[in-house]
Amino acid sequence: MEPKRIIIVFIKWLQNNPDIFLPEAWQELPDLNENLAFCDDDELFPIAHTLSKWCAKHQLGDKLKQAALQVDVNESHAKNYLQLLQQNIQKRYNAFLTSS
């Protein structure tokens, strides 16, 4: 599966569908951000692989695959996916903390 699709879906979930994440998953978002810090922005496969592993751990693997098949990769013109991911993860995690 094209890595860009996985990345776009995950960003969309963070931005538009945060309810998809279970409470345990919310608590582990900082771990995901740390794992992503080891990736290079110009290498999309390791980023997508990290997201896929995290989603599988949190029972979202199948949903991620299904959504990735349907996403339009042309709708995203982001240049720095890693930075965008990390910013959205941090933003959603902060929102989770304030709502808890």
PDB file of N, CA and C in Angstrom:
ATOM      1  N   MET A   1       0.847  -1.173   0.000  1.00  0.00           N
ATOM      2  CA  MET A   1       0.000   0.000   0.000  1.00  0.00           C
ATOM      3  C   MET A   1       0.896   1.242   0.000  1.00  0.00           C
ATOM      4  N   GLU A   2       0.476   2.230  -0.710  1.00  0.00           N
ATOM      5  CA  GLU A   2       1.253   3.465  -0.826  1.00  0.00           C
ATOM      6  C   GLU A   2       1.348   4.164   0.539  1.00  0.00           C
ATOM      7  N   PRO A   3       2.570   4.427   1.013  1.00  0.00           N
ATOM      8  CA  PRO A   3       2.753   5.040   2.335  1.00  0.00           C
ATOM      9  C   PRO A   3       2.026   6.369   2.503  1.00  0.00           C
ATOM     10  N   LYS A   4       1.984   7.146   1.451  1.00  0.00           N
ATOM     11  CA  LYS A   4       1.335   8.454   1.534  1.00  0.00           C
ATOM     12  C   LYS A   4      -0.133   8.314   1.931  1.00  0.00           C
ATOM     13  N   ARG A   5      -0.788   7.269   1.467  1.00  0.00           N
ATOM     14  CA  ARG A   5      -2.193   7.033   1.801  1.00  0.00           C
ATOM     15  C   ARG A   5      -2.376   6.815   3.307  1.00  0.00           C
ATOM     16  N   ILE A   6      -1.501   6.012   3.885  1.00  0.00           N
ATOM     17  CA  ILE A   6      -1.581   5.714   5.315  1.00  0.00           C
ATOM     18  C   ILE A   6      -1.376   6.981   6.129  1.00  0.00           C
ATOM     19  N   ILE A   7      -0.403   7.763   5.742  1.00  0.00           N
ATOM     20  CA  ILE A   7      -0.090   9.004   6.452  1.00  0.00           C
ATOM     21  C   ILE A   7      -1.262   9.979   6.372  1.00  0.00           C
ATOM     22  N   ILE A   8      -1.821  10.132   5.193  1.00  0.00           N
ATOM     23  CA  ILE A   8      -2.945  11.055   5.009  1.00  0.00           C
ATOM     24  C   ILE A   8      -4.142  10.627   5.851  1.00  0.00           C
ATOM     25  N   VAL A   9      -4.440   9.331   5.864  1.00  0.00           N
ATOM     26  CA  VAL A   9      -5.568   8.835   6.665  1.00  0.00           C
ATOM     27  C   VAL A   9      -5.351   9.140   8.140  1.00  0.00           C
ATOM     28  N   PHE A  10      -4.157   8.880   8.625  1.00  0.00           N
ATOM     29  CA  PHE A  10      -3.899   9.109  10.045  1.00  0.00           C
ATOM     30  C   PHE A  10      -4.032  10.590  10.396  1.00  0.00           C
ATOM     31  N   ILE A  11      -3.519  11.448   9.552  1.00  0.00           N
ATOM     32  CA  ILE A  11      -3.661  12.893   9.785  1.00  0.00           C
ATOM     33  C   ILE A  11      -5.138  13.283   9.783  1.00  0.00           C
ATOM     34  N   LYS A  12      -5.902  12.738   8.845  1.00  0.00           N
ATOM     35  CA  LYS A  12      -7.342  13.039   8.792  1.00  0.00           C
ATOM     36  C   LYS A  12      -8.050  12.565  10.055  1.00  0.00           C
ATOM     37  N   TRP A  13      -7.672  11.392  10.549  1.00  0.00           N
ATOM     38  CA  TRP A  13      -8.268  10.904  11.791  1.00  0.00           C
ATOM     39  C   TRP A  13      -7.991  11.872  12.930  1.00  0.00           C
ATOM     40  N   LEU A  14      -6.752  12.318  13.030  1.00  0.00           N
ATOM     41  CA  LEU A  14      -6.398  13.250  14.103  1.00  0.00           C
ATOM     42  C   LEU A  14      -7.186  14.551  13.984  1.00  0.00           C
ATOM     43  N   GLN A  15      -7.328  15.036  12.773  1.00  0.00           N
ATOM     44  CA  GLN A  15      -7.973  16.329  12.560  1.00  0.00           C
ATOM     45  C   GLN A  15      -9.497  16.251  12.603  1.00  0.00           C
ATOM     46  N   ASN A  16     -10.065  15.212  12.007  1.00  0.00           N
ATOM     47  CA  ASN A  16     -11.512  15.179  11.787  1.00  0.00           C
ATOM     48  C   ASN A  16     -12.269  14.062  12.497  1.00  0.00           C
ATOM     49  N   ASN A  17     -11.556  13.043  12.963  1.00  0.00           N
ATOM     50  CA  ASN A  17     -12.232  11.878  13.531  1.00  0.00           C
ATOM     51  C   ASN A  17     -11.486  11.346  14.759  1.00  0.00           C
ATOM     52  N   PRO A  18     -11.203  12.196  15.739  1.00  0.00           N
ATOM     53  CA  PRO A  18     -10.420  11.739  16.888  1.00  0.00           C
ATOM     54  C   PRO A  18     -11.133  10.691  17.739  1.00  0.00           C
ATOM     55  N   ASP A  19     -12.443  10.570  17.594  1.00  0.00           N
ATOM     56  CA  ASP A  19     -13.187   9.578  18.374  1.00  0.00           C
ATOM     57  C   ASP A  19     -12.840   8.147  17.986  1.00  0.00           C
ATOM     58  N   ILE A  20     -12.141   7.975  16.888  1.00  0.00           N
ATOM     59  CA  ILE A  20     -11.753   6.637  16.456  1.00  0.00           C
ATOM     60  C   ILE A  20     -10.734   6.017  17.411  1.00  0.00           C
ATOM     61  N   PHE A  21     -10.018   6.874  18.145  1.00  0.00           N
ATOM     62  CA  PHE A  21      -8.986   6.400  19.064  1.00  0.00           C
ATOM     63  C   PHE A  21      -9.583   6.065  20.427  1.00  0.00           C
ATOM     64  N   LEU A  22      -9.267   4.892  20.936  1.00  0.00           N
ATOM     65  CA  LEU A  22      -9.695   4.484  22.271  1.00  0.00           C
ATOM     66  C   LEU A  22      -8.849   5.202  23.321  1.00  0.00           C
ATOM     67  N   PRO A  23      -9.328   5.287  24.567  1.00  0.00           N
ATOM     68  CA  PRO A  23      -8.573   5.997  25.610  1.00  0.00           C
ATOM     69  C   PRO A  23      -7.129   5.527  25.763  1.00  0.00           C
ATOM     70  N   GLU A  24      -6.902   4.235  25.690  1.00  0.00           N
ATOM     71  CA  GLU A  24      -5.526   3.726  25.803  1.00  0.00           C
ATOM     72  C   GLU A  24      -4.653   4.259  24.676  1.00  0.00           C
ATOM     73  N   ALA A  25      -5.233   4.358  23.500  1.00  0.00           N
ATOM     74  CA  ALA A  25      -4.483   4.886  22.354  1.00  0.00           C
ATOM     75  C   ALA A  25      -4.109   6.344  22.593  1.00  0.00           C
ATOM     76  N   TRP A  26      -5.031   7.112  23.158  1.00  0.00           N
ATOM     77  CA  TRP A  26      -4.736   8.520  23.448  1.00  0.00           C
ATOM     78  C   TRP A  26      -3.539   8.638  24.371  1.00  0.00           C
ATOM     79  N   GLN A  27      -3.493   7.782  25.372  1.00  0.00           N
ATOM     80  CA  GLN A  27      -2.407   7.831  26.345  1.00  0.00           C
ATOM     81  C   GLN A  27      -1.061   7.493  25.716  1.00  0.00           C
ATOM     82  N   GLU A  28      -1.081   6.762  24.619  1.00  0.00           N
ATOM     83  CA  GLU A  28       0.162   6.341  23.982  1.00  0.00           C
ATOM     84  C   GLU A  28       0.544   7.193  22.770  1.00  0.00           C
ATOM     85  N   LEU A  29      -0.178   8.271  22.538  1.00  0.00           N
ATOM     86  CA  LEU A  29       0.203   9.170  21.439  1.00  0.00           C
ATOM     87  C   LEU A  29       1.612   9.747  21.608  1.00  0.00           C
ATOM     88  N   PRO A  30       2.041  10.105  22.825  1.00  0.00           N
ATOM     89  CA  PRO A  30       3.419  10.595  22.957  1.00  0.00           C
ATOM     90  C   PRO A  30       4.461   9.551  22.540  1.00  0.00           C
ATOM     91  N   ASP A  31       4.177   8.274  22.803  1.00  0.00           N
ATOM     92  CA  ASP A  31       5.091   7.212  22.370  1.00  0.00           C
ATOM     93  C   ASP A  31       5.180   7.167  20.847  1.00  0.00           C
ATOM     94  N   LEU A  32       4.040   7.337  20.203  1.00  0.00           N
ATOM     95  CA  LEU A  32       4.029   7.372  18.741  1.00  0.00           C
ATOM     96  C   LEU A  32       4.867   8.541  18.239  1.00  0.00           C
ATOM     97  N   ASN A  33       4.695   9.689  18.849  1.00  0.00           N
ATOM     98  CA  ASN A  33       5.465  10.866  18.446  1.00  0.00           C
ATOM     99  C   ASN A  33       6.964  10.622  18.613  1.00  0.00           C
ATOM    100  N   GLU A  34       7.347   9.961  19.697  1.00  0.00           N
ATOM    101  CA  GLU A  34       8.764   9.635  19.920  1.00  0.00           C
ATOM    102  C   GLU A  34       9.279   8.688  18.844  1.00  0.00           C
ATOM    103  N   ASN A  35       8.488   7.687  18.499  1.00  0.00           N
ATOM    104  CA  ASN A  35       8.899   6.746  17.451  1.00  0.00           C
ATOM    105  C   ASN A  35       9.033   7.438  16.098  1.00  0.00           C
ATOM    106  N   LEU A  36       8.148   8.375  15.833  1.00  0.00           N
ATOM    107  CA  LEU A  36       8.214   9.111  14.567  1.00  0.00           C
ATOM    108  C   LEU A  36       9.442  10.008  14.503  1.00  0.00           C
ATOM    109  N   ALA A  37       9.949  10.409  15.650  1.00  0.00           N
ATOM    110  CA  ALA A  37      11.124  11.287  15.683  1.00  0.00           C
ATOM    111  C   ALA A  37      12.353  10.614  15.075  1.00  0.00           C
ATOM    112  N   PHE A  38      12.346   9.293  15.000  1.00  0.00           N
ATOM    113  CA  PHE A  38      13.464   8.564  14.408  1.00  0.00           C
ATOM    114  C   PHE A  38      13.351   8.454  12.888  1.00  0.00           C
ATOM    115  N   CYS A  39      12.261   8.929  12.332  1.00  0.00           N
ATOM    116  CA  CYS A  39      12.032   8.860  10.881  1.00  0.00           C
ATOM    117  C   CYS A  39      12.519  10.136  10.206  1.00  0.00           C
ATOM    118  N   ASP A  40      12.860  10.005   8.938  1.00  0.00           N
ATOM    119  CA  ASP A  40      13.197  11.166   8.114  1.00  0.00           C
ATOM    120  C   ASP A  40      11.961  11.552   7.318  1.00  0.00           C
ATOM    121  N   ASP A  41      11.748  12.852   7.167  1.00  0.00           N
ATOM    122  CA  ASP A  41      10.546  13.312   6.479  1.00  0.00           C
ATOM    123  C   ASP A  41      10.512  12.906   5.013  1.00  0.00           C
ATOM    124  N   ASP A  42      11.662  12.754   4.403  1.00  0.00           N
ATOM    125  CA  ASP A  42      11.671  12.408   2.981  1.00  0.00           C
ATOM    126  C   ASP A  42      11.529  10.908   2.742  1.00  0.00           C
ATOM    127  N   GLU A  43      11.446  10.121   3.810  1.00  0.00           N
ATOM    128  CA  GLU A  43      11.252   8.678   3.696  1.00  0.00           C
ATOM    129  C   GLU A  43       9.863   8.328   4.228  1.00  0.00           C
ATOM    130  N   LEU A  44       8.893   8.243   3.346  1.00  0.00           N
ATOM    131  CA  LEU A  44       7.512   8.028   3.770  1.00  0.00           C
ATOM    132  C   LEU A  44       7.242   6.611   4.267  1.00  0.00           C
ATOM    133  N   PHE A  45       7.973   5.625   3.731  1.00  0.00           N
ATOM    134  CA  PHE A  45       7.701   4.245   4.139  1.00  0.00           C
ATOM    135  C   PHE A  45       7.911   4.024   5.636  1.00  0.00           C
ATOM    136  N   PRO A  46       9.036   4.456   6.230  1.00  0.00           N
ATOM    137  CA  PRO A  46       9.193   4.253   7.680  1.00  0.00           C
ATOM    138  C   PRO A  46       8.126   4.978   8.507  1.00  0.00           C
ATOM    139  N   ILE A  47       7.693   6.129   8.044  1.00  0.00           N
ATOM    140  CA  ILE A  47       6.632   6.861   8.744  1.00  0.00           C
ATOM    141  C   ILE A  47       5.340   6.045   8.697  1.00  0.00           C
ATOM    142  N   ALA A  48       4.974   5.592   7.508  1.00  0.00           N
ATOM    143  CA  ALA A  48       3.748   4.804   7.343  1.00  0.00           C
ATOM    144  C   ALA A  48       3.831   3.491   8.116  1.00  0.00           C
ATOM    145  N   HIS A  49       4.994   2.879   8.120  1.00  0.00           N
ATOM    146  CA  HIS A  49       5.181   1.624   8.852  1.00  0.00           C
ATOM    147  C   HIS A  49       4.989   1.841  10.358  1.00  0.00           C
ATOM    148  N   THR A  50       5.540   2.923  10.874  1.00  0.00           N
ATOM    149  CA  THR A  50       5.386   3.257  12.289  1.00  0.00           C
ATOM    150  C   THR A  50       3.916   3.484  12.626  1.00  0.00           C
ATOM    151  N   LEU A  51       3.213   4.204  11.776  1.00  0.00           N
ATOM    152  CA  LEU A  51       1.779   4.443  11.987  1.00  0.00           C
ATOM    153  C   LEU A  51       0.990   3.139  11.924  1.00  0.00           C
ATOM    154  N   SER A  52       1.311   2.292  10.957  1.00  0.00           N
ATOM    155  CA  SER A  52       0.603   1.018  10.795  1.00  0.00           C
ATOM    156  C   SER A  52       0.782   0.124  12.018  1.00  0.00           C
ATOM    157  N   LYS A  53       2.007   0.051  12.519  1.00  0.00           N
ATOM    158  CA  LYS A  53       2.272  -0.765  13.709  1.00  0.00           C
ATOM    159  C   LYS A  53       1.500  -0.232  14.914  1.00  0.00           C
ATOM    160  N   TRP A  54       1.494   1.071  15.083  1.00  0.00           N
ATOM    161  CA  TRP A  54       0.789   1.687  16.205  1.00  0.00           C
ATOM    162  C   TRP A  54      -0.714   1.428  16.082  1.00  0.00           C
ATOM    163  N   CYS A  55      -1.239   1.581  14.888  1.00  0.00           N
ATOM    164  CA  CYS A  55      -2.673   1.341  14.664  1.00  0.00           C
ATOM    165  C   CYS A  55      -3.028  -0.125  14.915  1.00  0.00           C
ATOM    166  N   ALA A  56      -2.188  -1.039  14.469  1.00  0.00           N
ATOM    167  CA  ALA A  56      -2.448  -2.458  14.702  1.00  0.00           C
ATOM    168  C   ALA A  56      -2.479  -2.759  16.198  1.00  0.00           C
ATOM    169  N   LYS A  57      -1.580  -2.154  16.942  1.00  0.00           N
ATOM    170  CA  LYS A  57      -1.527  -2.345  18.396  1.00  0.00           C
ATOM    171  C   LYS A  57      -2.810  -1.857  19.066  1.00  0.00           C
ATOM    172  N   HIS A  58      -3.453  -0.869  18.471  1.00  0.00           N
ATOM    173  CA  HIS A  58      -4.652  -0.268  19.057  1.00  0.00           C
ATOM    174  C   HIS A  58      -5.926  -0.638  18.297  1.00  0.00           C
ATOM    175  N   GLN A  59      -5.921  -1.809  17.674  1.00  0.00           N
ATOM    176  CA  GLN A  59      -7.081  -2.364  16.975  1.00  0.00           C
ATOM    177  C   GLN A  59      -7.619  -1.450  15.878  1.00  0.00           C
ATOM    178  N   LEU A  60      -6.730  -0.722  15.244  1.00  0.00           N
ATOM    179  CA  LEU A  60      -7.134   0.157  14.142  1.00  0.00           C
ATOM    180  C   LEU A  60      -6.494  -0.244  12.813  1.00  0.00           C
ATOM    181  N   GLY A  61      -5.777  -1.344  12.807  1.00  0.00           N
ATOM    182  CA  GLY A  61      -5.062  -1.758  11.602  1.00  0.00           C
ATOM    183  C   GLY A  61      -5.963  -1.961  10.400  1.00  0.00           C
ATOM    184  N   ASP A  62      -7.054  -2.693  10.588  1.00  0.00           N
ATOM    185  CA  ASP A  62      -7.969  -2.950   9.472  1.00  0.00           C
ATOM    186  C   ASP A  62      -8.658  -1.671   9.005  1.00  0.00           C
ATOM    187  N   LYS A  63      -9.056  -0.835   9.963  1.00  0.00           N
ATOM    188  CA  LYS A  63      -9.692   0.434   9.596  1.00  0.00           C
ATOM    189  C   LYS A  63      -8.726   1.320   8.820  1.00  0.00           C
ATOM    190  N   LEU A  64      -7.468   1.301   9.221  1.00  0.00           N
ATOM    191  CA  LEU A  64      -6.459   2.094   8.523  1.00  0.00           C
ATOM    192  C   LEU A  64      -6.302   1.609   7.086  1.00  0.00           C
ATOM    193  N   LYS A  65      -6.216   0.311   6.898  1.00  0.00           N
ATOM    194  CA  LYS A  65      -6.070  -0.249   5.547  1.00  0.00           C
ATOM    195  C   LYS A  65      -7.272   0.089   4.674  1.00  0.00           C
ATOM    196  N   GLN A  66      -8.468  -0.072   5.227  1.00  0.00           N
ATOM    197  CA  GLN A  66      -9.684   0.220   4.464  1.00  0.00           C
ATOM    198  C   GLN A  66      -9.750   1.695   4.079  1.00  0.00           C
ATOM    199  N   ALA A  67      -9.465   2.555   5.031  1.00  0.00           N
ATOM    200  CA  ALA A  67      -9.521   3.993   4.760  1.00  0.00           C
ATOM    201  C   ALA A  67      -8.440   4.405   3.766  1.00  0.00           C
ATOM    202  N   ALA A  68      -7.278   3.777   3.856  1.00  0.00           N
ATOM    203  CA  ALA A  68      -6.176   4.121   2.954  1.00  0.00           C
ATOM    204  C   ALA A  68      -6.503   3.765   1.507  1.00  0.00           C
ATOM    205  N   LEU A  69      -7.278   2.719   1.315  1.00  0.00           N
ATOM    206  CA  LEU A  69      -7.671   2.341  -0.044  1.00  0.00           C
ATOM    207  C   LEU A  69      -8.611   3.364  -0.668  1.00  0.00           C
ATOM    208  N   GLN A  70      -9.322   4.108   0.170  1.00  0.00           N
ATOM    209  CA  GLN A  70     -10.329   5.041  -0.320  1.00  0.00           C
ATOM    210  C   GLN A  70      -9.857   6.486  -0.391  1.00  0.00           C
ATOM    211  N   VAL A  71      -8.734   6.788   0.233  1.00  0.00           N
ATOM    212  CA  VAL A  71      -8.292   8.178   0.312  1.00  0.00           C
ATOM    213  C   VAL A  71      -7.735   8.648  -1.034  1.00  0.00           C
ATOM    214  N   ASP A  72      -7.974   9.900  -1.332  1.00  0.00           N
ATOM    215  CA  ASP A  72      -7.454  10.522  -2.550  1.00  0.00           C
ATOM    216  C   ASP A  72      -6.116  11.174  -2.209  1.00  0.00           C
ATOM    217  N   VAL A  73      -5.031  10.601  -2.710  1.00  0.00           N
ATOM    218  CA  VAL A  73      -3.704  11.131  -2.378  1.00  0.00           C
ATOM    219  C   VAL A  73      -3.454  12.489  -3.017  1.00  0.00           C
ATOM    220  N   ASN A  74      -4.231  12.844  -4.006  1.00  0.00           N
ATOM    221  CA  ASN A  74      -4.039  14.134  -4.675  1.00  0.00           C
ATOM    222  C   ASN A  74      -4.622  15.302  -3.891  1.00  0.00           C
ATOM    223  N   GLU A  75      -5.439  14.997  -2.870  1.00  0.00           N
ATOM    224  CA  GLU A  75      -6.047  16.088  -2.111  1.00  0.00           C
ATOM    225  C   GLU A  75      -5.081  16.687  -1.091  1.00  0.00           C
ATOM    226  N   SER A  76      -3.990  16.012  -0.821  1.00  0.00           N
ATOM    227  CA  SER A  76      -3.010  16.524   0.140  1.00  0.00           C
ATOM    228  C   SER A  76      -1.781  17.021  -0.604  1.00  0.00           C
ATOM    229  N   HIS A  77      -1.440  18.254  -0.345  1.00  0.00           N
ATOM    230  CA  HIS A  77      -0.267  18.839  -0.985  1.00  0.00           C
ATOM    231  C   HIS A  77       0.803  19.161   0.051  1.00  0.00           C
ATOM    232  N   ALA A  78       0.752  18.468   1.169  1.00  0.00           N
ATOM    233  CA  ALA A  78       1.726  18.700   2.234  1.00  0.00           C
ATOM    234  C   ALA A  78       3.121  18.336   1.744  1.00  0.00           C
ATOM    235  N   LYS A  79       4.080  19.083   2.209  1.00  0.00           N
ATOM    236  CA  LYS A  79       5.475  18.815   1.856  1.00  0.00           C
ATOM    237  C   LYS A  79       6.187  18.089   2.989  1.00  0.00           C
ATOM    238  N   ASN A  80       5.835  18.421   4.211  1.00  0.00           N
ATOM    239  CA  ASN A  80       6.521  17.873   5.367  1.00  0.00           C
ATOM    240  C   ASN A  80       5.530  17.052   6.194  1.00  0.00           C
ATOM    241  N   TYR A  81       5.325  15.811   5.789  1.00  0.00           N
ATOM    242  CA  TYR A  81       4.337  14.964   6.456  1.00  0.00           C
ATOM    243  C   TYR A  81       4.712  14.674   7.901  1.00  0.00           C
ATOM    244  N   LEU A  82       5.988  14.477   8.146  1.00  0.00           N
ATOM    245  CA  LEU A  82       6.419  14.160   9.501  1.00  0.00           C
ATOM    246  C   LEU A  82       6.104  15.305  10.459  1.00  0.00           C
ATOM    247  N   GLN A  83       6.438  16.502  10.067  1.00  0.00           N
ATOM    248  CA  GLN A  83       6.153  17.664  10.912  1.00  0.00           C
ATOM    249  C   GLN A  83       4.647  17.834  11.110  1.00  0.00           C
ATOM    250  N   LEU A  84       3.887  17.672  10.052  1.00  0.00           N
ATOM    251  CA  LEU A  84       2.434  17.786  10.135  1.00  0.00           C
ATOM    252  C   LEU A  84       1.852  16.735  11.086  1.00  0.00           C
ATOM    253  N   LEU A  85       2.339  15.511  10.976  1.00  0.00           N
ATOM    254  CA  LEU A  85       1.897  14.445  11.873  1.00  0.00           C
ATOM    255  C   LEU A  85       2.208  14.776  13.323  1.00  0.00           C
ATOM    256  N   GLN A  86       3.457  15.150  13.570  1.00  0.00           N
ATOM    257  CA  GLN A  86       3.874  15.418  14.942  1.00  0.00           C
ATOM    258  C   GLN A  86       3.106  16.591  15.547  1.00  0.00           C
ATOM    259  N   GLN A  87       2.856  17.608  14.760  1.00  0.00           N
ATOM    260  CA  GLN A  87       2.084  18.751  15.253  1.00  0.00           C
ATOM    261  C   GLN A  87       0.655  18.338  15.599  1.00  0.00           C
ATOM    262  N   ASN A  88       0.048  17.553  14.726  1.00  0.00           N
ATOM    263  CA  ASN A  88      -1.330  17.118  14.968  1.00  0.00           C
ATOM    264  C   ASN A  88      -1.423  16.155  16.145  1.00  0.00           C
ATOM    265  N   ILE A  89      -0.444  15.278  16.289  1.00  0.00           N
ATOM    266  CA  ILE A  89      -0.429  14.363  17.431  1.00  0.00           C
ATOM    267  C   ILE A  89      -0.333  15.162  18.725  1.00  0.00           C
ATOM    268  N   GLN A  90       0.588  16.114  18.762  1.00  0.00           N
ATOM    269  CA  GLN A  90       0.765  16.914  19.973  1.00  0.00           C
ATOM    270  C   GLN A  90      -0.489  17.735  20.284  1.00  0.00           C
ATOM    271  N   LYS A  91      -1.075  18.313  19.253  1.00  0.00           N
ATOM    272  CA  LYS A  91      -2.288  19.120  19.433  1.00  0.00           C
ATOM    273  C   LYS A  91      -3.428  18.274  20.004  1.00  0.00           C
ATOM    274  N   ARG A  92      -3.640  17.100  19.433  1.00  0.00           N
ATOM    275  CA  ARG A  92      -4.721  16.230  19.898  1.00  0.00           C
ATOM    276  C   ARG A  92      -4.431  15.679  21.288  1.00  0.00           C
ATOM    277  N   TYR A  93      -3.169  15.371  21.561  1.00  0.00           N
ATOM    278  CA  TYR A  93      -2.818  14.869  22.887  1.00  0.00           C
ATOM    279  C   TYR A  93      -3.052  15.950  23.942  1.00  0.00           C
ATOM    280  N   ASN A  94      -2.674  17.177  23.641  1.00  0.00           N
ATOM    281  CA  ASN A  94      -2.918  18.284  24.570  1.00  0.00           C
ATOM    282  C   ASN A  94      -4.414  18.472  24.816  1.00  0.00           C
ATOM    283  N   ALA A  95      -5.215  18.351  23.764  1.00  0.00           N
ATOM    284  CA  ALA A  95      -6.670  18.456  23.909  1.00  0.00           C
ATOM    285  C   ALA A  95      -7.202  17.316  24.772  1.00  0.00           C
ATOM    286  N   PHE A  96      -6.640  16.131  24.595  1.00  0.00           N
ATOM    287  CA  PHE A  96      -7.034  14.979  25.408  1.00  0.00           C
ATOM    288  C   PHE A  96      -6.730  15.236  26.881  1.00  0.00           C
ATOM    289  N   LEU A  97      -5.563  15.784  27.162  1.00  0.00           N
ATOM    290  CA  LEU A  97      -5.175  16.055  28.550  1.00  0.00           C
ATOM    291  C   LEU A  97      -6.089  17.078  29.215  1.00  0.00           C
ATOM    292  N   THR A  98      -6.460  18.103  28.472  1.00  0.00           N
ATOM    293  CA  THR A  98      -7.307  19.144  29.060  1.00  0.00           C
ATOM    294  C   THR A  98      -8.748  18.675  29.247  1.00  0.00           C
ATOM    295  N   SER A  99      -9.161  17.700  28.462  1.00  0.00           N
ATOM    296  CA  SER A  99     -10.535  17.198  28.592  1.00  0.00           C
ATOM    297  C   SER A  99     -10.648  16.077  29.619  1.00  0.00           C
ATOM    298  N   SER A 100      -9.527  15.536  30.049  1.00  0.00           N
ATOM    299  CA  SER A 100      -9.553  14.418  31.016  1.00  0.00           C
ATOM    300  C   SER A 100      -9.707  14.896  32.436  1.00  0.00           C
TER     301      SER A 100
END
